Amino acid sequence: MLGINGFDTQRLSRGFAERVHAVWPRHDLGYAIAVDARANPMTAPLFSFPAHLDHLINGRPSPTFLDLVSNSAWGDQPLQSRIIANR
């Protein structure tokens, strides 16, 4: 995650990030991804990092895993629901 969150930048040699960004500017990377996702939602498939940014920054609704499972044809339920139903 060094490239996204900047953690552990001290592990890079001095001046490395500056040299890389001089050739490949970051352009506020996370926000640029969100702008692209807002313009074209197909660039942000469900459960992807771009979809996560689109949800956080643009406020686009994002289904959860449980939303998808509860609407599947398999009828899966969270474990707690099965325990309660079987009492």
PDB file of N, CA and C in Angstrom:
ATOM      1  N   MET A   1       0.819  -1.204   0.000  1.00  0.00           N
ATOM      2  CA  MET A   1       0.000   0.000   0.000  1.00  0.00           C
ATOM      3  C   MET A   1       0.860   1.264   0.000  1.00  0.00           C
ATOM      4  N   LEU A   2       2.135   1.121  -0.072  1.00  0.00           N
ATOM      5  CA  LEU A   2       3.018   2.279  -0.061  1.00  0.00           C
ATOM      6  C   LEU A   2       2.607   3.303  -1.115  1.00  0.00           C
ATOM      7  N   GLY A   3       2.208   2.841  -2.296  1.00  0.00           N
ATOM      8  CA  GLY A   3       1.874   3.756  -3.374  1.00  0.00           C
ATOM      9  C   GLY A   3       0.600   4.540  -3.140  1.00  0.00           C
ATOM     10  N   ILE A   4      -0.294   4.043  -2.312  1.00  0.00           N
ATOM     11  CA  ILE A   4      -1.568   4.724  -2.091  1.00  0.00           C
ATOM     12  C   ILE A   4      -1.532   5.552  -0.812  1.00  0.00           C
ATOM     13  N   ASN A   5      -1.157   4.947   0.294  1.00  0.00           N
ATOM     14  CA  ASN A   5      -1.283   5.639   1.580  1.00  0.00           C
ATOM     15  C   ASN A   5      -0.001   6.305   2.065  1.00  0.00           C
ATOM     16  N   GLY A   6       1.122   6.035   1.426  1.00  0.00           N
ATOM     17  CA  GLY A   6       2.362   6.683   1.829  1.00  0.00           C
ATOM     18  C   GLY A   6       3.016   6.107   3.071  1.00  0.00           C
ATOM     19  N   PHE A   7       2.471   5.014   3.613  1.00  0.00           N
ATOM     20  CA  PHE A   7       3.094   4.384   4.771  1.00  0.00           C
ATOM     21  C   PHE A   7       4.463   3.841   4.369  1.00  0.00           C
ATOM     22  N   ASP A   8       5.356   3.814   5.288  1.00  0.00           N
ATOM     23  CA  ASP A   8       6.698   3.241   5.101  1.00  0.00           C
ATOM     24  C   ASP A   8       7.531   3.955   4.048  1.00  0.00           C
ATOM     25  N   THR A   9       7.260   5.227   3.810  1.00  0.00           N
ATOM     26  CA  THR A   9       8.056   5.943   2.814  1.00  0.00           C
ATOM     27  C   THR A   9       9.527   6.018   3.203  1.00  0.00           C
ATOM     28  N   GLN A  10       9.828   5.848   4.485  1.00  0.00           N
ATOM     29  CA  GLN A  10      11.221   5.872   4.920  1.00  0.00           C
ATOM     30  C   GLN A  10      11.995   4.680   4.363  1.00  0.00           C
ATOM     31  N   ARG A  11      11.304   3.680   3.852  1.00  0.00           N
ATOM     32  CA  ARG A  11      11.972   2.518   3.276  1.00  0.00           C
ATOM     33  C   ARG A  11      12.522   2.812   1.880  1.00  0.00           C
ATOM     34  N   LEU A  12      12.067   3.893   1.282  1.00  0.00           N
ATOM     35  CA  LEU A  12      12.559   4.272  -0.046  1.00  0.00           C
ATOM     36  C   LEU A  12      13.878   5.016   0.097  1.00  0.00           C
ATOM     37  N   SER A  13      14.725   4.860  -0.886  1.00  0.00           N
ATOM     38  CA  SER A  13      15.980   5.607  -0.859  1.00  0.00           C
ATOM     39  C   SER A  13      15.683   7.098  -1.011  1.00  0.00           C
ATOM     40  N   ARG A  14      16.554   7.921  -0.448  1.00  0.00           N
ATOM     41  CA  ARG A  14      16.362   9.366  -0.460  1.00  0.00           C
ATOM     42  C   ARG A  14      16.227   9.860  -1.913  1.00  0.00           C
ATOM     43  N   GLY A  15      15.169  10.607  -2.161  1.00  0.00           N
ATOM     44  CA  GLY A  15      14.949  11.203  -3.476  1.00  0.00           C
ATOM     45  C   GLY A  15      14.234  10.302  -4.470  1.00  0.00           C
ATOM     46  N   PHE A  16      14.003   9.026  -4.112  1.00  0.00           N
ATOM     47  CA  PHE A  16      13.380   8.097  -5.050  1.00  0.00           C
ATOM     48  C   PHE A  16      11.979   8.562  -5.454  1.00  0.00           C
ATOM     49  N   ALA A  17      11.133   8.848  -4.469  1.00  0.00           N
ATOM     50  CA  ALA A  17       9.755   9.266  -4.769  1.00  0.00           C
ATOM     51  C   ALA A  17       9.744  10.530  -5.617  1.00  0.00           C
ATOM     52  N   GLU A  18      10.613  11.462  -5.322  1.00  0.00           N
ATOM     53  CA  GLU A  18      10.660  12.711  -6.095  1.00  0.00           C
ATOM     54  C   GLU A  18      11.033  12.434  -7.546  1.00  0.00           C
ATOM     55  N   ARG A  19      11.991  11.526  -7.766  1.00  0.00           N
ATOM     56  CA  ARG A  19      12.393  11.189  -9.138  1.00  0.00           C
ATOM     57  C   ARG A  19      11.253  10.493  -9.883  1.00  0.00           C
ATOM     58  N   VAL A  20      10.584   9.574  -9.207  1.00  0.00           N
ATOM     59  CA  VAL A  20       9.469   8.861  -9.844  1.00  0.00           C
ATOM     60  C   VAL A  20       8.331   9.829 -10.173  1.00  0.00           C
ATOM     61  N   HIS A  21       7.983  10.691  -9.216  1.00  0.00           N
ATOM     62  CA  HIS A  21       6.864  11.612  -9.437  1.00  0.00           C
ATOM     63  C   HIS A  21       7.193  12.693 -10.459  1.00  0.00           C
ATOM     64  N   ALA A  22       8.464  12.958 -10.680  1.00  0.00           N
ATOM     65  CA  ALA A  22       8.844  13.899 -11.731  1.00  0.00           C
ATOM     66  C   ALA A  22       8.513  13.317 -13.109  1.00  0.00           C
ATOM     67  N   VAL A  23       8.623  11.999 -13.238  1.00  0.00           N
ATOM     68  CA  VAL A  23       8.334  11.338 -14.512  1.00  0.00           C
ATOM     69  C   VAL A  23       6.857  10.930 -14.590  1.00  0.00           C
ATOM     70  N   TRP A  24       6.323  10.404 -13.480  1.00  0.00           N
ATOM     71  CA  TRP A  24       4.931   9.958 -13.411  1.00  0.00           C
ATOM     72  C   TRP A  24       4.236  10.666 -12.245  1.00  0.00           C
ATOM     73  N   PRO A  25       3.709  11.865 -12.488  1.00  0.00           N
ATOM     74  CA  PRO A  25       3.053  12.607 -11.404  1.00  0.00           C
ATOM     75  C   PRO A  25       1.847  11.846 -10.852  1.00  0.00           C
ATOM     76  N   ARG A  26       1.613  12.004  -9.561  1.00  0.00           N
ATOM     77  CA  ARG A  26       0.497  11.309  -8.916  1.00  0.00           C
ATOM     78  C   ARG A  26      -0.861  11.889  -9.301  1.00  0.00           C
ATOM     79  N   HIS A  27      -0.936  13.170  -9.562  1.00  0.00           N
ATOM     80  CA  HIS A  27      -2.211  13.820  -9.924  1.00  0.00           C
ATOM     81  C   HIS A  27      -3.309  13.496  -8.909  1.00  0.00           C
ATOM     82  N   ASP A  28      -2.963  13.559  -7.624  1.00  0.00           N
ATOM     83  CA  ASP A  28      -3.943  13.253  -6.573  1.00  0.00           C
ATOM     84  C   ASP A  28      -4.663  11.941  -6.895  1.00  0.00           C
ATOM     85  N   LEU A  29      -3.891  10.896  -6.968  1.00  0.00           N
ATOM     86  CA  LEU A  29      -4.287   9.600  -7.507  1.00  0.00           C
ATOM     87  C   LEU A  29      -5.665   9.116  -7.055  1.00  0.00           C
ATOM     88  N   GLY A  30      -5.913   9.049  -5.760  1.00  0.00           N
ATOM     89  CA  GLY A  30      -7.199   8.544  -5.271  1.00  0.00           C
ATOM     90  C   GLY A  30      -8.367   9.369  -5.756  1.00  0.00           C
ATOM     91  N   TYR A  31      -8.195  10.684  -5.757  1.00  0.00           N
ATOM     92  CA  TYR A  31      -9.271  11.563  -6.223  1.00  0.00           C
ATOM     93  C   TYR A  31      -9.451  11.466  -7.728  1.00  0.00           C
ATOM     94  N   ALA A  32      -8.361  11.271  -8.447  1.00  0.00           N
ATOM     95  CA  ALA A  32      -8.454  11.101  -9.899  1.00  0.00           C
ATOM     96  C   ALA A  32      -9.225   9.821 -10.236  1.00  0.00           C
ATOM     97  N   ILE A  33      -8.997   8.761  -9.475  1.00  0.00           N
ATOM     98  CA  ILE A  33      -9.735   7.517  -9.684  1.00  0.00           C
ATOM     99  C   ILE A  33     -11.219   7.747  -9.434  1.00  0.00           C
ATOM    100  N   ALA A  34     -11.561   8.497  -8.378  1.00  0.00           N
ATOM    101  CA  ALA A  34     -12.961   8.767  -8.051  1.00  0.00           C
ATOM    102  C   ALA A  34     -13.628   9.616  -9.122  1.00  0.00           C
ATOM    103  N   VAL A  35     -12.907  10.586  -9.670  1.00  0.00           N
ATOM    104  CA  VAL A  35     -13.461  11.422 -10.747  1.00  0.00           C
ATOM    105  C   VAL A  35     -13.749  10.551 -11.964  1.00  0.00           C
ATOM    106  N   ASP A  36     -12.828   9.660 -12.285  1.00  0.00           N
ATOM    107  CA  ASP A  36     -13.018   8.761 -13.420  1.00  0.00           C
ATOM    108  C   ASP A  36     -14.223   7.851 -13.192  1.00  0.00           C
ATOM    109  N   ALA A  37     -14.367   7.342 -11.977  1.00  0.00           N
ATOM    110  CA  ALA A  37     -15.490   6.458 -11.648  1.00  0.00           C
ATOM    111  C   ALA A  37     -16.816   7.192 -11.726  1.00  0.00           C
ATOM    112  N   ARG A  38     -16.826   8.459 -11.320  1.00  0.00           N
ATOM    113  CA  ARG A  38     -18.054   9.258 -11.407  1.00  0.00           C
ATOM    114  C   ARG A  38     -18.446   9.451 -12.864  1.00  0.00           C
ATOM    115  N   ALA A  39     -17.466   9.694 -13.717  1.00  0.00           N
ATOM    116  CA  ALA A  39     -17.736   9.918 -15.139  1.00  0.00           C
ATOM    117  C   ALA A  39     -18.109   8.625 -15.858  1.00  0.00           C
ATOM    118  N   ASN A  40     -17.526   7.515 -15.418  1.00  0.00           N
ATOM    119  CA  ASN A  40     -17.771   6.233 -16.077  1.00  0.00           C
ATOM    120  C   ASN A  40     -17.792   5.127 -15.028  1.00  0.00           C
ATOM    121  N   PRO A  41     -18.973   4.814 -14.477  1.00  0.00           N
ATOM    122  CA  PRO A  41     -19.066   3.801 -13.424  1.00  0.00           C
ATOM    123  C   PRO A  41     -18.519   2.430 -13.826  1.00  0.00           C
ATOM    124  N   MET A  42     -18.393   2.164 -15.108  1.00  0.00           N
ATOM    125  CA  MET A  42     -17.848   0.879 -15.547  1.00  0.00           C
ATOM    126  C   MET A  42     -16.381   0.726 -15.146  1.00  0.00           C
ATOM    127  N   THR A  43     -15.709   1.824 -14.809  1.00  0.00           N
ATOM    128  CA  THR A  43     -14.316   1.741 -14.378  1.00  0.00           C
ATOM    129  C   THR A  43     -14.199   1.392 -12.893  1.00  0.00           C
ATOM    130  N   ALA A  44     -15.345   1.224 -12.231  1.00  0.00           N
ATOM    131  CA  ALA A  44     -15.353   0.922 -10.794  1.00  0.00           C
ATOM    132  C   ALA A  44     -16.251  -0.281 -10.512  1.00  0.00           C
ATOM    133  N   PRO A  45     -15.815  -1.484 -10.914  1.00  0.00           N
ATOM    134  CA  PRO A  45     -16.649  -2.668 -10.668  1.00  0.00           C
ATOM    135  C   PRO A  45     -16.829  -2.935  -9.175  1.00  0.00           C
ATOM    136  N   LEU A  46     -17.923  -3.589  -8.835  1.00  0.00           N
ATOM    137  CA  LEU A  46     -18.238  -3.899  -7.437  1.00  0.00           C
ATOM    138  C   LEU A  46     -17.036  -4.477  -6.702  1.00  0.00           C
ATOM    139  N   PHE A  47     -16.850  -4.042  -5.479  1.00  0.00           N
ATOM    140  CA  PHE A  47     -15.826  -4.531  -4.547  1.00  0.00           C
ATOM    141  C   PHE A  47     -14.396  -4.212  -4.981  1.00  0.00           C
ATOM    142  N   SER A  48     -14.235  -3.357  -5.975  1.00  0.00           N
ATOM    143  CA  SER A  48     -12.885  -2.969  -6.396  1.00  0.00           C
ATOM    144  C   SER A  48     -12.443  -1.736  -5.614  1.00  0.00           C
ATOM    145  N   PHE A  49     -11.157  -1.455  -5.656  1.00  0.00           N
ATOM    146  CA  PHE A  49     -10.634  -0.249  -5.017  1.00  0.00           C
ATOM    147  C   PHE A  49     -11.257   1.010  -5.635  1.00  0.00           C
ATOM    148  N   PRO A  50     -11.383   1.102  -6.974  1.00  0.00           N
ATOM    149  CA  PRO A  50     -12.057   2.272  -7.543  1.00  0.00           C
ATOM    150  C   PRO A  50     -13.508   2.414  -7.058  1.00  0.00           C
ATOM    151  N   ALA A  51     -14.222   1.297  -6.900  1.00  0.00           N
ATOM    152  CA  ALA A  51     -15.604   1.369  -6.396  1.00  0.00           C
ATOM    153  C   ALA A  51     -15.630   1.887  -4.959  1.00  0.00           C
ATOM    154  N   HIS A  52     -14.666   1.474  -4.170  1.00  0.00           N
ATOM    155  CA  HIS A  52     -14.580   1.941  -2.789  1.00  0.00           C
ATOM    156  C   HIS A  52     -14.353   3.454  -2.749  1.00  0.00           C
ATOM    157  N   LEU A  53     -13.432   3.944  -3.573  1.00  0.00           N
ATOM    158  CA  LEU A  53     -13.185   5.390  -3.634  1.00  0.00           C
ATOM    159  C   LEU A  53     -14.401   6.135  -4.150  1.00  0.00           C
ATOM    160  N   ASP A  54     -15.070   5.584  -5.137  1.00  0.00           N
ATOM    161  CA  ASP A  54     -16.278   6.197  -5.688  1.00  0.00           C
ATOM    162  C   ASP A  54     -17.335   6.345  -4.588  1.00  0.00           C
ATOM    163  N   HIS A  55     -17.488   5.325  -3.779  1.00  0.00           N
ATOM    164  CA  HIS A  55     -18.445   5.372  -2.670  1.00  0.00           C
ATOM    165  C   HIS A  55     -18.042   6.425  -1.632  1.00  0.00           C
ATOM    166  N   LEU A  56     -16.779   6.419  -1.234  1.00  0.00           N
ATOM    167  CA  LEU A  56     -16.314   7.350  -0.201  1.00  0.00           C
ATOM    168  C   LEU A  56     -16.333   8.800  -0.653  1.00  0.00           C
ATOM    169  N   ILE A  57     -15.856   9.056  -1.863  1.00  0.00           N
ATOM    170  CA  ILE A  57     -15.667  10.430  -2.318  1.00  0.00           C
ATOM    171  C   ILE A  57     -16.902  10.973  -3.027  1.00  0.00           C
ATOM    172  N   ASN A  58     -17.522  10.160  -3.871  1.00  0.00           N
ATOM    173  CA  ASN A  58     -18.662  10.630  -4.663  1.00  0.00           C
ATOM    174  C   ASN A  58     -20.006  10.294  -4.028  1.00  0.00           C
ATOM    175  N   GLY A  59     -19.996   9.436  -3.017  1.00  0.00           N
ATOM    176  CA  GLY A  59     -21.239   9.087  -2.332  1.00  0.00           C
ATOM    177  C   GLY A  59     -22.124   8.114  -3.089  1.00  0.00           C
ATOM    178  N   ARG A  60     -21.573   7.474  -4.115  1.00  0.00           N
ATOM    179  CA  ARG A  60     -22.385   6.512  -4.873  1.00  0.00           C
ATOM    180  C   ARG A  60     -22.728   5.343  -3.953  1.00  0.00           C
ATOM    181  N   PRO A  61     -23.985   4.913  -3.949  1.00  0.00           N
ATOM    182  CA  PRO A  61     -24.349   3.763  -3.118  1.00  0.00           C
ATOM    183  C   PRO A  61     -23.511   2.549  -3.490  1.00  0.00           C
ATOM    184  N   SER A  62     -23.165   1.779  -2.492  1.00  0.00           N
ATOM    185  CA  SER A  62     -22.323   0.611  -2.719  1.00  0.00           C
ATOM    186  C   SER A  62     -22.899  -0.567  -1.959  1.00  0.00           C
ATOM    187  N   PRO A  63     -23.342  -1.606  -2.676  1.00  0.00           N
ATOM    188  CA  PRO A  63     -23.884  -2.760  -1.956  1.00  0.00           C
ATOM    189  C   PRO A  63     -22.790  -3.466  -1.169  1.00  0.00           C
ATOM    190  N   THR A  64     -23.197  -4.062  -0.088  1.00  0.00           N
ATOM    191  CA  THR A  64     -22.268  -4.845   0.720  1.00  0.00           C
ATOM    192  C   THR A  64     -22.321  -6.307   0.275  1.00  0.00           C
ATOM    193  N   PHE A  65     -21.396  -7.068   0.764  1.00  0.00           N
ATOM    194  CA  PHE A  65     -21.403  -8.505   0.487  1.00  0.00           C
ATOM    195  C   PHE A  65     -22.730  -9.112   0.939  1.00  0.00           C
ATOM    196  N   LEU A  66     -23.200  -8.716   2.125  1.00  0.00           N
ATOM    197  CA  LEU A  66     -24.459  -9.279   2.629  1.00  0.00           C
ATOM    198  C   LEU A  66     -25.648  -8.886   1.758  1.00  0.00           C
ATOM    199  N   ASP A  67     -25.622  -7.681   1.177  1.00  0.00           N
ATOM    200  CA  ASP A  67     -26.685  -7.291   0.243  1.00  0.00           C
ATOM    201  C   ASP A  67     -26.733  -8.257  -0.940  1.00  0.00           C
ATOM    202  N   LEU A  68     -25.574  -8.548  -1.494  1.00  0.00           N
ATOM    203  CA  LEU A  68     -25.527  -9.433  -2.657  1.00  0.00           C
ATOM    204  C   LEU A  68     -25.946 -10.851  -2.297  1.00  0.00           C
ATOM    205  N   VAL A  69     -25.449 -11.340  -1.175  1.00  0.00           N
ATOM    206  CA  VAL A  69     -25.778 -12.705  -0.769  1.00  0.00           C
ATOM    207  C   VAL A  69     -27.263 -12.837  -0.462  1.00  0.00           C
ATOM    208  N   SER A  70     -27.836 -11.851   0.202  1.00  0.00           N
ATOM    209  CA  SER A  70     -29.254 -11.942   0.567  1.00  0.00           C
ATOM    210  C   SER A  70     -30.161 -11.900  -0.653  1.00  0.00           C
ATOM    211  N   ASN A  71     -29.665 -11.384  -1.754  1.00  0.00           N
ATOM    212  CA  ASN A  71     -30.462 -11.325  -2.985  1.00  0.00           C
ATOM    213  C   ASN A  71     -30.093 -12.417  -3.982  1.00  0.00           C
ATOM    214  N   SER A  72     -29.281 -13.375  -3.552  1.00  0.00           N
ATOM    215  CA  SER A  72     -28.873 -14.445  -4.461  1.00  0.00           C
ATOM    216  C   SER A  72     -29.916 -15.560  -4.462  1.00  0.00           C
ATOM    217  N   ALA A  73     -29.819 -16.414  -5.428  1.00  0.00           N
ATOM    218  CA  ALA A  73     -30.753 -17.535  -5.537  1.00  0.00           C
ATOM    219  C   ALA A  73     -30.450 -18.660  -4.545  1.00  0.00           C
ATOM    220  N   TRP A  74     -29.303 -18.578  -3.857  1.00  0.00           N
ATOM    221  CA  TRP A  74     -28.905 -19.657  -2.968  1.00  0.00           C
ATOM    222  C   TRP A  74     -29.598 -19.621  -1.616  1.00  0.00           C
ATOM    223  N   GLY A  75     -30.155 -18.476  -1.239  1.00  0.00           N
ATOM    224  CA  GLY A  75     -30.840 -18.377   0.042  1.00  0.00           C
ATOM    225  C   GLY A  75     -29.912 -18.377   1.245  1.00  0.00           C
ATOM    226  N   ASP A  76     -28.633 -18.065   1.039  1.00  0.00           N
ATOM    227  CA  ASP A  76     -27.683 -18.026   2.155  1.00  0.00           C
ATOM    228  C   ASP A  76     -28.124 -16.988   3.183  1.00  0.00           C
ATOM    229  N   GLN A  77     -27.856 -17.281   4.444  1.00  0.00           N
ATOM    230  CA  GLN A  77     -28.164 -16.373   5.540  1.00  0.00           C
ATOM    231  C   GLN A  77     -26.945 -16.284   6.444  1.00  0.00           C
ATOM    232  N   PRO A  78     -26.773 -15.140   7.117  1.00  0.00           N
ATOM    233  CA  PRO A  78     -25.685 -15.065   8.101  1.00  0.00           C
ATOM    234  C   PRO A  78     -25.870 -16.151   9.152  1.00  0.00           C
ATOM    235  N   LEU A  79     -24.805 -16.649   9.693  1.00  0.00           N
ATOM    236  CA  LEU A  79     -24.835 -17.745  10.659  1.00  0.00           C
ATOM    237  C   LEU A  79     -25.793 -17.449  11.809  1.00  0.00           C
ATOM    238  N   GLN A  80     -25.750 -16.222  12.363  1.00  0.00           N
ATOM    239  CA  GLN A  80     -26.611 -15.870  13.486  1.00  0.00           C
ATOM    240  C   GLN A  80     -28.077 -16.039  13.131  1.00  0.00           C
ATOM    241  N   SER A  81     -28.462 -15.696  11.886  1.00  0.00           N
ATOM    242  CA  SER A  81     -29.860 -15.854  11.469  1.00  0.00           C
ATOM    243  C   SER A  81     -30.275 -17.311  11.482  1.00  0.00           C
ATOM    244  N   ARG A  82     -29.377 -18.203  11.062  1.00  0.00           N
ATOM    245  CA  ARG A  82     -29.685 -19.628  11.055  1.00  0.00           C
ATOM    246  C   ARG A  82     -29.843 -20.153  12.475  1.00  0.00           C
ATOM    247  N   ILE A  83     -29.017 -19.684  13.381  1.00  0.00           N
ATOM    248  CA  ILE A  83     -29.093 -20.139  14.774  1.00  0.00           C
ATOM    249  C   ILE A  83     -30.432 -19.732  15.371  1.00  0.00           C
ATOM    250  N   ILE A  84     -30.835 -18.493  15.142  1.00  0.00           N
ATOM    251  CA  ILE A  84     -32.104 -17.998  15.690  1.00  0.00           C
ATOM    252  C   ILE A  84     -33.273 -18.751  15.051  1.00  0.00           C
ATOM    253  N   ALA A  85     -33.230 -18.982  13.721  1.00  0.00           N
ATOM    254  CA  ALA A  85     -34.321 -19.642  13.019  1.00  0.00           C
ATOM    255  C   ALA A  85     -34.475 -21.099  13.450  1.00  0.00           C
ATOM    256  N   ASN A  86     -33.389 -21.736  13.869  1.00  0.00           N
ATOM    257  CA  ASN A  86     -33.449 -23.152  14.239  1.00  0.00           C
ATOM    258  C   ASN A  86     -33.828 -23.375  15.701  1.00  0.00           C
ATOM    259  N   ARG A  87     -34.093 -22.336  16.464  1.00  0.00           N
ATOM    260  CA  ARG A  87     -34.454 -22.513  17.883  1.00  0.00           C
ATOM    261  C   ARG A  87     -35.893 -22.880  18.023  1.00  0.00           C
TER     262      ARG A  87
END
